[in-house]
């Protein structure tokens, strides 16, 4: 599952772009795809796709994965079941802007966790890169106007999102303990099944509350994208990148997520391009370059 560093960088840019597209798609079809139901069905359908295409290696690898059952269980629980649930729960109480702002702390959380657990050194260049990229994302989120900081307020939903960020940080660290001798699609199939089973009762509660999926052509196409891009391809790319680069360098690319969201919103939703978008883009790219330079040298 390991790849070259350059391939891992490409994987991560694609992953964050896919996940940004997930946010855009969810926004476009918010009234048609209730969050917990669409999360549940994307993992169920993604599991069936893997089962159909990769059945021979899956059949061979399941006994091996069983010997790693507890690490795999916690990887699936943190990365698929718990994170999705906590994020959707948080959005019931807080704003998308607050969630986006809090997500910028994920690279720092990953860096801190990797230092605490694996004693990975954090260089001044990496810290400077994180600071520059954080400023870049902040410029976009507050629209380059410090007055907008006065309108930010935090509540119970923000605390839930902080919990979600730490859960995803733990997921990123646990990937190190995944079985290396199995086909990656076999490993992802098990993670998706774990996530689907954990989301099953929650999506049933959402259904009983009166929320229904509207499966007309638009929402079906949107759900198809979510399954292929943000689920199947993104998780394959992300797990490969973490095994190759480690959690700290991988975490730096989360700064690209809000920038990719803005780019897609401009291209797909027709939102206007502003000067603060360009400033934020330059700062994030420069921050990424700083953060990755230490390992490349």
Protein backbone atom coordinates (compact mmCIF):
# COMPACT_ATOMS: atom_id res chain seq x y z
CA UNK A 1 0.00 0.00 0.00
CA UNK A 2 3.05 2.28 0.14
CA UNK A 3 3.80 4.54 -2.81
CA UNK A 4 6.48 7.09 -3.69
CA UNK A 5 6.37 10.47 -1.94
CA UNK A 6 5.41 12.30 -5.14
CA UNK A 7 2.60 9.83 -5.80
CA UNK A 8 1.41 10.30 -2.21
CA UNK A 9 1.31 14.08 -2.73
CA UNK A 10 -0.82 13.63 -5.85
CA UNK A 11 -3.06 11.21 -3.96
CA UNK A 12 -3.59 13.75 -1.19
CA UNK A 13 -4.41 16.63 -3.53
CA UNK A 14 -6.97 14.37 -5.23
CA UNK A 15 -8.31 13.16 -1.87
CA UNK A 16 -8.89 16.66 -0.52
CA UNK A 17 -10.44 17.70 -3.83
CA UNK A 18 -12.79 14.70 -3.72
CA UNK A 19 -13.76 15.53 -0.14
CA UNK A 20 -14.29 19.16 -1.08
CA UNK A 21 -16.56 17.93 -3.86
CA UNK A 22 -18.40 15.91 -1.26
CA UNK A 23 -19.24 19.12 0.61
CA UNK A 24 -20.39 20.80 -2.60
CA UNK A 25 -22.54 17.81 -3.54
CA UNK A 26 -24.05 17.64 -0.06
CA UNK A 27 -24.85 21.36 -0.28
CA UNK A 28 -26.44 20.96 -3.74
CA UNK A 29 -28.65 18.06 -2.63
CA UNK A 30 -29.13 18.90 1.06
CA UNK A 31 -32.92 18.54 0.78
CA UNK A 32 -32.68 15.27 -1.17
CA UNK A 33 -29.95 13.36 0.69
CA UNK A 34 -30.36 13.37 4.50
CA UNK A 35 -26.82 13.25 5.95
CA UNK A 36 -26.90 10.01 7.94
CA UNK A 37 -28.81 8.09 5.27
CA UNK A 38 -26.50 9.21 2.49
CA UNK A 39 -23.45 8.40 4.65
CA UNK A 40 -24.84 4.93 5.41
CA UNK A 41 -25.71 4.10 1.80
CA UNK A 42 -22.44 5.34 0.38
CA UNK A 43 -20.56 2.85 2.57
CA UNK A 44 -23.01 0.04 1.80
CA UNK A 45 -22.85 0.57 -1.96
CA UNK A 46 -19.07 1.12 -1.89
CA UNK A 47 -18.77 -2.20 -0.04
CA UNK A 48 -20.81 -3.97 -2.73
CA UNK A 49 -18.67 -2.44 -5.49
CA UNK A 50 -15.50 -3.76 -3.85
CA UNK A 51 -17.13 -7.14 -3.24
CA UNK A 52 -18.07 -7.49 -6.90
CA UNK A 53 -14.76 -6.33 -8.39
CA UNK A 54 -12.25 -7.61 -5.83
CA UNK A 55 -13.90 -10.77 -4.53
CA UNK A 56 -10.92 -13.16 -5.11
CA UNK A 57 -8.36 -11.15 -3.06
CA UNK A 58 -11.03 -10.36 -0.48
CA UNK A 59 -11.77 -14.05 0.04
CA UNK A 60 -8.05 -14.73 0.41
CA UNK A 61 -7.37 -11.79 2.75
CA UNK A 62 -10.26 -12.06 5.24
CA UNK A 63 -8.54 -14.70 7.43
CA UNK A 64 -5.45 -12.46 7.63
CA UNK A 65 -7.54 -9.39 8.44
CA UNK A 66 -9.28 -11.39 11.18
CA UNK A 67 -5.95 -11.78 12.96
CA UNK A 68 -5.77 -7.96 13.02
CA UNK A 69 -9.45 -7.65 13.96
CA UNK A 70 -9.09 -5.22 16.87
CA UNK A 71 -6.80 -2.70 15.15
CA UNK A 72 -8.99 -2.92 12.03
CA UNK A 73 -12.16 -2.51 14.10
CA UNK A 74 -10.86 0.68 15.70
CA UNK A 75 -9.58 2.01 12.38
CA UNK A 76 -13.04 1.52 10.87
CA UNK A 77 -14.82 2.90 13.92
CA UNK A 78 -12.76 6.09 14.14
CA UNK A 79 -12.35 6.83 10.42
CA UNK A 80 -15.73 5.75 9.06
CA UNK A 81 -18.35 5.41 11.78
CA UNK A 82 -17.46 7.86 14.55
CA UNK A 83 -16.01 10.74 12.53
CA UNK A 84 -18.93 10.93 10.10
CA UNK A 85 -21.47 10.72 12.92
CA UNK A 86 -19.78 13.37 15.05
CA UNK A 87 -19.37 15.76 12.12
CA UNK A 88 -23.03 15.48 11.10
CA UNK A 89 -24.07 15.82 14.75
CA UNK A 90 -21.93 18.95 15.10
CA UNK A 91 -23.55 20.53 12.03
CA UNK A 92 -26.92 20.34 13.80
CA UNK A 93 -25.66 22.87 16.34
CA UNK A 94 -22.99 24.95 14.64
CA UNK A 95 -22.26 26.58 11.30
CA UNK A 96 -20.37 25.30 8.28
CA UNK A 97 -17.92 28.19 8.74
CA UNK A 98 -17.13 27.13 12.30
CA UNK A 99 -16.62 23.53 11.18
CA UNK A 100 -14.29 24.73 8.43
CA UNK A 101 -12.35 26.87 10.89
CA UNK A 102 -11.99 24.03 13.39
CA UNK A 103 -10.87 21.62 10.66
CA UNK A 104 -7.80 23.79 10.11
CA UNK A 105 -6.54 22.54 13.49
CA UNK A 106 -6.40 18.95 12.22
CA UNK A 107 -2.82 19.18 10.86
CA UNK A 108 -1.65 20.51 14.23
CA UNK A 109 -3.56 17.77 16.08
CA UNK A 110 -2.02 15.10 13.83
CA UNK A 111 1.43 16.57 14.36
CA UNK A 112 0.94 16.62 18.14
CA UNK A 113 -0.46 13.07 18.29
CA UNK A 114 2.35 11.67 16.15
CA UNK A 115 4.87 13.38 18.43
CA UNK A 116 3.20 12.01 21.58
CA UNK A 117 2.72 8.45 20.30
CA UNK A 118 5.62 7.88 17.89
CA UNK A 119 8.06 10.57 19.09
CA UNK A 120 8.19 12.07 15.59
CA UNK A 121 10.18 15.30 15.59
CA UNK A 122 8.46 18.54 14.61
CA UNK A 123 10.80 20.98 12.87
CA UNK A 124 10.58 24.75 12.92
CA UNK A 125 10.02 24.69 9.17
CA UNK A 126 7.02 22.40 9.58
CA UNK A 127 5.57 24.62 12.30
CA UNK A 128 6.13 27.72 10.16
CA UNK A 129 4.44 26.00 7.22
CA UNK A 130 1.43 25.17 9.40
CA UNK A 131 1.21 28.76 10.63
CA UNK A 132 1.36 30.21 7.11
CA UNK A 133 -1.23 27.72 5.79
CA UNK A 134 -3.51 28.36 8.79
CA UNK A 135 -3.35 32.10 8.10
CA UNK A 136 -4.18 31.38 4.44
CA UNK A 137 -7.28 29.39 5.36
CA UNK A 138 -8.25 32.04 7.91
CA UNK A 139 -8.03 34.77 5.25
CA UNK A 140 -10.57 32.85 3.17
CA UNK A 141 -12.90 32.01 6.08
CA UNK A 142 -13.08 35.58 7.42
CA UNK A 143 -12.97 37.05 3.89
CA UNK A 144 -9.82 39.04 4.72
CA UNK A 145 -11.82 41.18 7.15
CA UNK A 146 -10.84 41.00 10.83
CA UNK A 147 -14.23 42.44 11.79
CA UNK A 148 -15.77 39.11 10.78
CA UNK A 149 -13.92 37.50 13.70
CA UNK A 150 -16.27 39.41 16.01
CA UNK A 151 -19.24 37.53 14.55
CA UNK A 152 -17.78 34.11 15.33
CA UNK A 153 -19.44 32.32 18.23
CA UNK A 154 -18.82 28.85 19.60
CA UNK A 155 -21.27 26.39 21.11
CA UNK A 156 -21.92 22.72 21.91
CA UNK A 157 -21.63 21.78 18.24
CA UNK A 158 -18.10 23.16 18.12
CA UNK A 159 -17.10 20.95 21.06
CA UNK A 160 -18.49 17.96 19.17
CA UNK A 161 -16.43 18.95 16.12
CA UNK A 162 -13.30 19.19 18.26
CA UNK A 163 -14.01 15.62 19.35
CA UNK A 164 -14.46 14.60 15.71
CA UNK A 165 -11.07 16.10 14.82
CA UNK A 166 -9.30 14.15 17.56
CA UNK A 167 -11.12 10.98 16.46
CA UNK A 168 -9.87 11.48 12.90
CA UNK A 169 -6.39 12.13 14.21
CA UNK A 170 -6.50 8.79 16.04
CA UNK A 171 -7.74 7.12 12.85
CA UNK A 172 -4.78 8.53 10.93
CA UNK A 173 -2.35 7.16 13.53
CA UNK A 174 -4.05 3.75 13.70
CA UNK A 175 -3.58 3.23 9.95
CA UNK A 176 0.02 2.34 10.79
CA UNK A 177 -1.30 -0.83 12.42
CA UNK A 178 -3.26 -2.01 9.38
CA UNK A 179 -2.29 -5.40 7.88
CA UNK A 180 0.36 -4.68 5.23
CA UNK A 181 0.26 -8.09 3.51
CA UNK A 182 -3.34 -7.83 2.25
CA UNK A 183 -4.86 -6.19 -0.83
CA UNK A 184 -5.79 -2.60 0.00
CA UNK A 185 -9.31 -3.05 -1.36
CA UNK A 186 -9.85 -5.97 1.03
CA UNK A 187 -8.82 -3.75 3.93
CA UNK A 188 -11.10 -0.91 2.79
CA UNK A 189 -14.03 -3.30 2.34
CA UNK A 190 -13.82 -4.29 6.00
CA UNK A 191 -13.58 -0.63 7.09
CA UNK A 192 -16.62 0.31 5.00
CA UNK A 193 -18.65 -2.60 6.40
CA UNK A 194 -17.75 -1.59 9.96
CA UNK A 195 -18.77 2.01 9.26
CA UNK A 196 -22.05 0.97 7.61
CA UNK A 197 -23.00 -1.28 10.53
CA UNK A 198 -22.31 1.50 13.02
CA UNK A 199 -24.33 4.02 10.99
CA UNK A 200 -27.27 1.63 10.50
CA UNK A 201 -29.17 2.45 13.73
CA UNK A 202 -28.49 6.17 13.35
CA UNK A 203 -29.81 6.37 9.81
CA UNK A 204 -32.89 4.40 10.91
CA UNK A 205 -33.55 7.02 13.58
CA UNK A 206 -33.19 9.73 10.95
CA UNK A 207 -35.63 7.85 8.70
CA UNK A 208 -38.15 7.47 11.53
CA UNK A 209 -37.88 11.20 12.18
CA UNK A 210 -39.40 11.74 8.74
CA UNK A 211 -36.35 12.39 6.57
CA UNK A 212 -36.40 10.62 3.20
CA UNK A 213 -33.98 10.33 0.29
CA UNK A 214 -35.32 11.79 -2.96
CA UNK A 215 -33.87 9.44 -5.56
CA UNK A 216 -34.43 11.42 -8.74
CA UNK A 217 -31.71 11.70 -11.38
CA UNK A 218 -29.86 14.62 -9.75
CA UNK A 219 -29.49 13.12 -6.26
CA UNK A 220 -28.64 9.71 -7.77
CA UNK A 221 -25.80 11.27 -9.77
CA UNK A 222 -24.67 13.14 -6.66
CA UNK A 223 -24.68 9.96 -4.57
CA UNK A 224 -22.80 8.14 -7.34
CA UNK A 225 -20.06 10.77 -7.21
CA UNK A 226 -19.90 10.52 -3.40
CA UNK A 227 -19.45 6.74 -3.64
CA UNK A 228 -16.80 6.76 -6.38
CA UNK A 229 -14.76 9.82 -5.38
CA UNK A 230 -14.98 10.69 -1.66
CA UNK A 231 -15.53 7.07 -0.57
CA UNK A 232 -13.74 4.54 -2.80
CA UNK A 233 -10.90 6.54 -4.35
CA UNK A 234 -10.29 9.07 -1.56
CA UNK A 235 -9.96 6.47 1.19
CA UNK A 236 -7.67 4.34 -0.96
CA UNK A 237 -5.48 7.36 -1.67
CA UNK A 238 -5.54 8.61 1.93
CA UNK A 239 -4.57 5.30 3.56
CA UNK A 240 -1.72 4.85 1.05
CA UNK A 241 -0.48 8.39 1.73
CA UNK A 242 -0.53 7.97 5.52
CA UNK A 243 1.49 4.75 5.28
CA UNK A 244 3.98 6.50 2.98
CA UNK A 245 4.32 9.95 4.56
CA UNK A 246 3.16 9.53 8.14
CA UNK A 247 0.38 11.47 9.83
CA UNK A 248 2.19 14.81 10.14
CA UNK A 249 3.04 15.34 6.47
CA UNK A 250 -0.31 13.89 5.43
CA UNK A 251 -2.10 16.26 7.79
CA UNK A 252 -0.61 19.30 6.07
CA UNK A 253 -2.79 18.62 3.04
CA UNK A 254 -5.95 19.26 5.06
CA UNK A 255 -5.14 22.93 4.54
CA UNK A 256 -5.95 22.32 0.88
CA UNK A 257 -9.49 21.13 1.71
CA UNK A 258 -11.17 24.54 2.26
CA UNK A 259 -9.25 26.03 -0.68
CA UNK A 260 -10.43 23.20 -2.95
CA UNK A 261 -13.97 23.76 -1.65
CA UNK A 262 -13.78 27.42 -2.66
CA UNK A 263 -12.40 26.57 -6.11
CA UNK A 264 -15.16 24.03 -6.74
CA UNK A 265 -17.82 26.43 -5.45
CA UNK A 266 -16.59 29.04 -7.93
CA UNK A 267 -16.46 26.59 -10.84
CA UNK A 268 -19.60 24.53 -10.12
CA UNK A 269 -21.89 26.80 -8.10
CA UNK A 270 -20.88 30.03 -9.81
CA UNK A 271 -19.77 31.78 -6.63
CA UNK A 272 -17.71 34.93 -7.40
CA UNK A 273 -13.91 34.87 -7.21
CA UNK A 274 -12.61 37.40 -4.69
CA UNK A 275 -9.11 38.74 -4.05
CA UNK A 276 -9.03 37.09 -0.62
CA UNK A 277 -9.47 33.71 -2.35
CA UNK A 278 -6.26 34.32 -4.28
CA UNK A 279 -4.38 35.52 -1.18
CA UNK A 280 -5.51 32.46 0.77
CA UNK A 281 -4.57 30.13 -2.10
CA UNK A 282 -1.03 31.54 -2.31
CA UNK A 283 -0.51 31.34 1.46
CA UNK A 284 -1.77 27.74 1.68
CA UNK A 285 0.41 26.57 -1.22
CA UNK A 286 3.43 28.36 0.28
CA UNK A 287 2.69 26.87 3.71
CA UNK A 288 2.43 23.38 2.23
CA UNK A 289 5.73 23.84 0.44
CA UNK A 290 7.41 24.91 3.68
CA UNK A 291 5.91 22.05 5.65
CA UNK A 292 7.05 19.42 3.14
CA UNK A 293 10.49 20.89 2.44
CA UNK A 294 12.14 19.40 5.53
CA UNK A 295 11.61 15.82 4.42
CA UNK A 296 12.43 16.50 0.81
CA UNK A 297 15.80 17.99 1.57
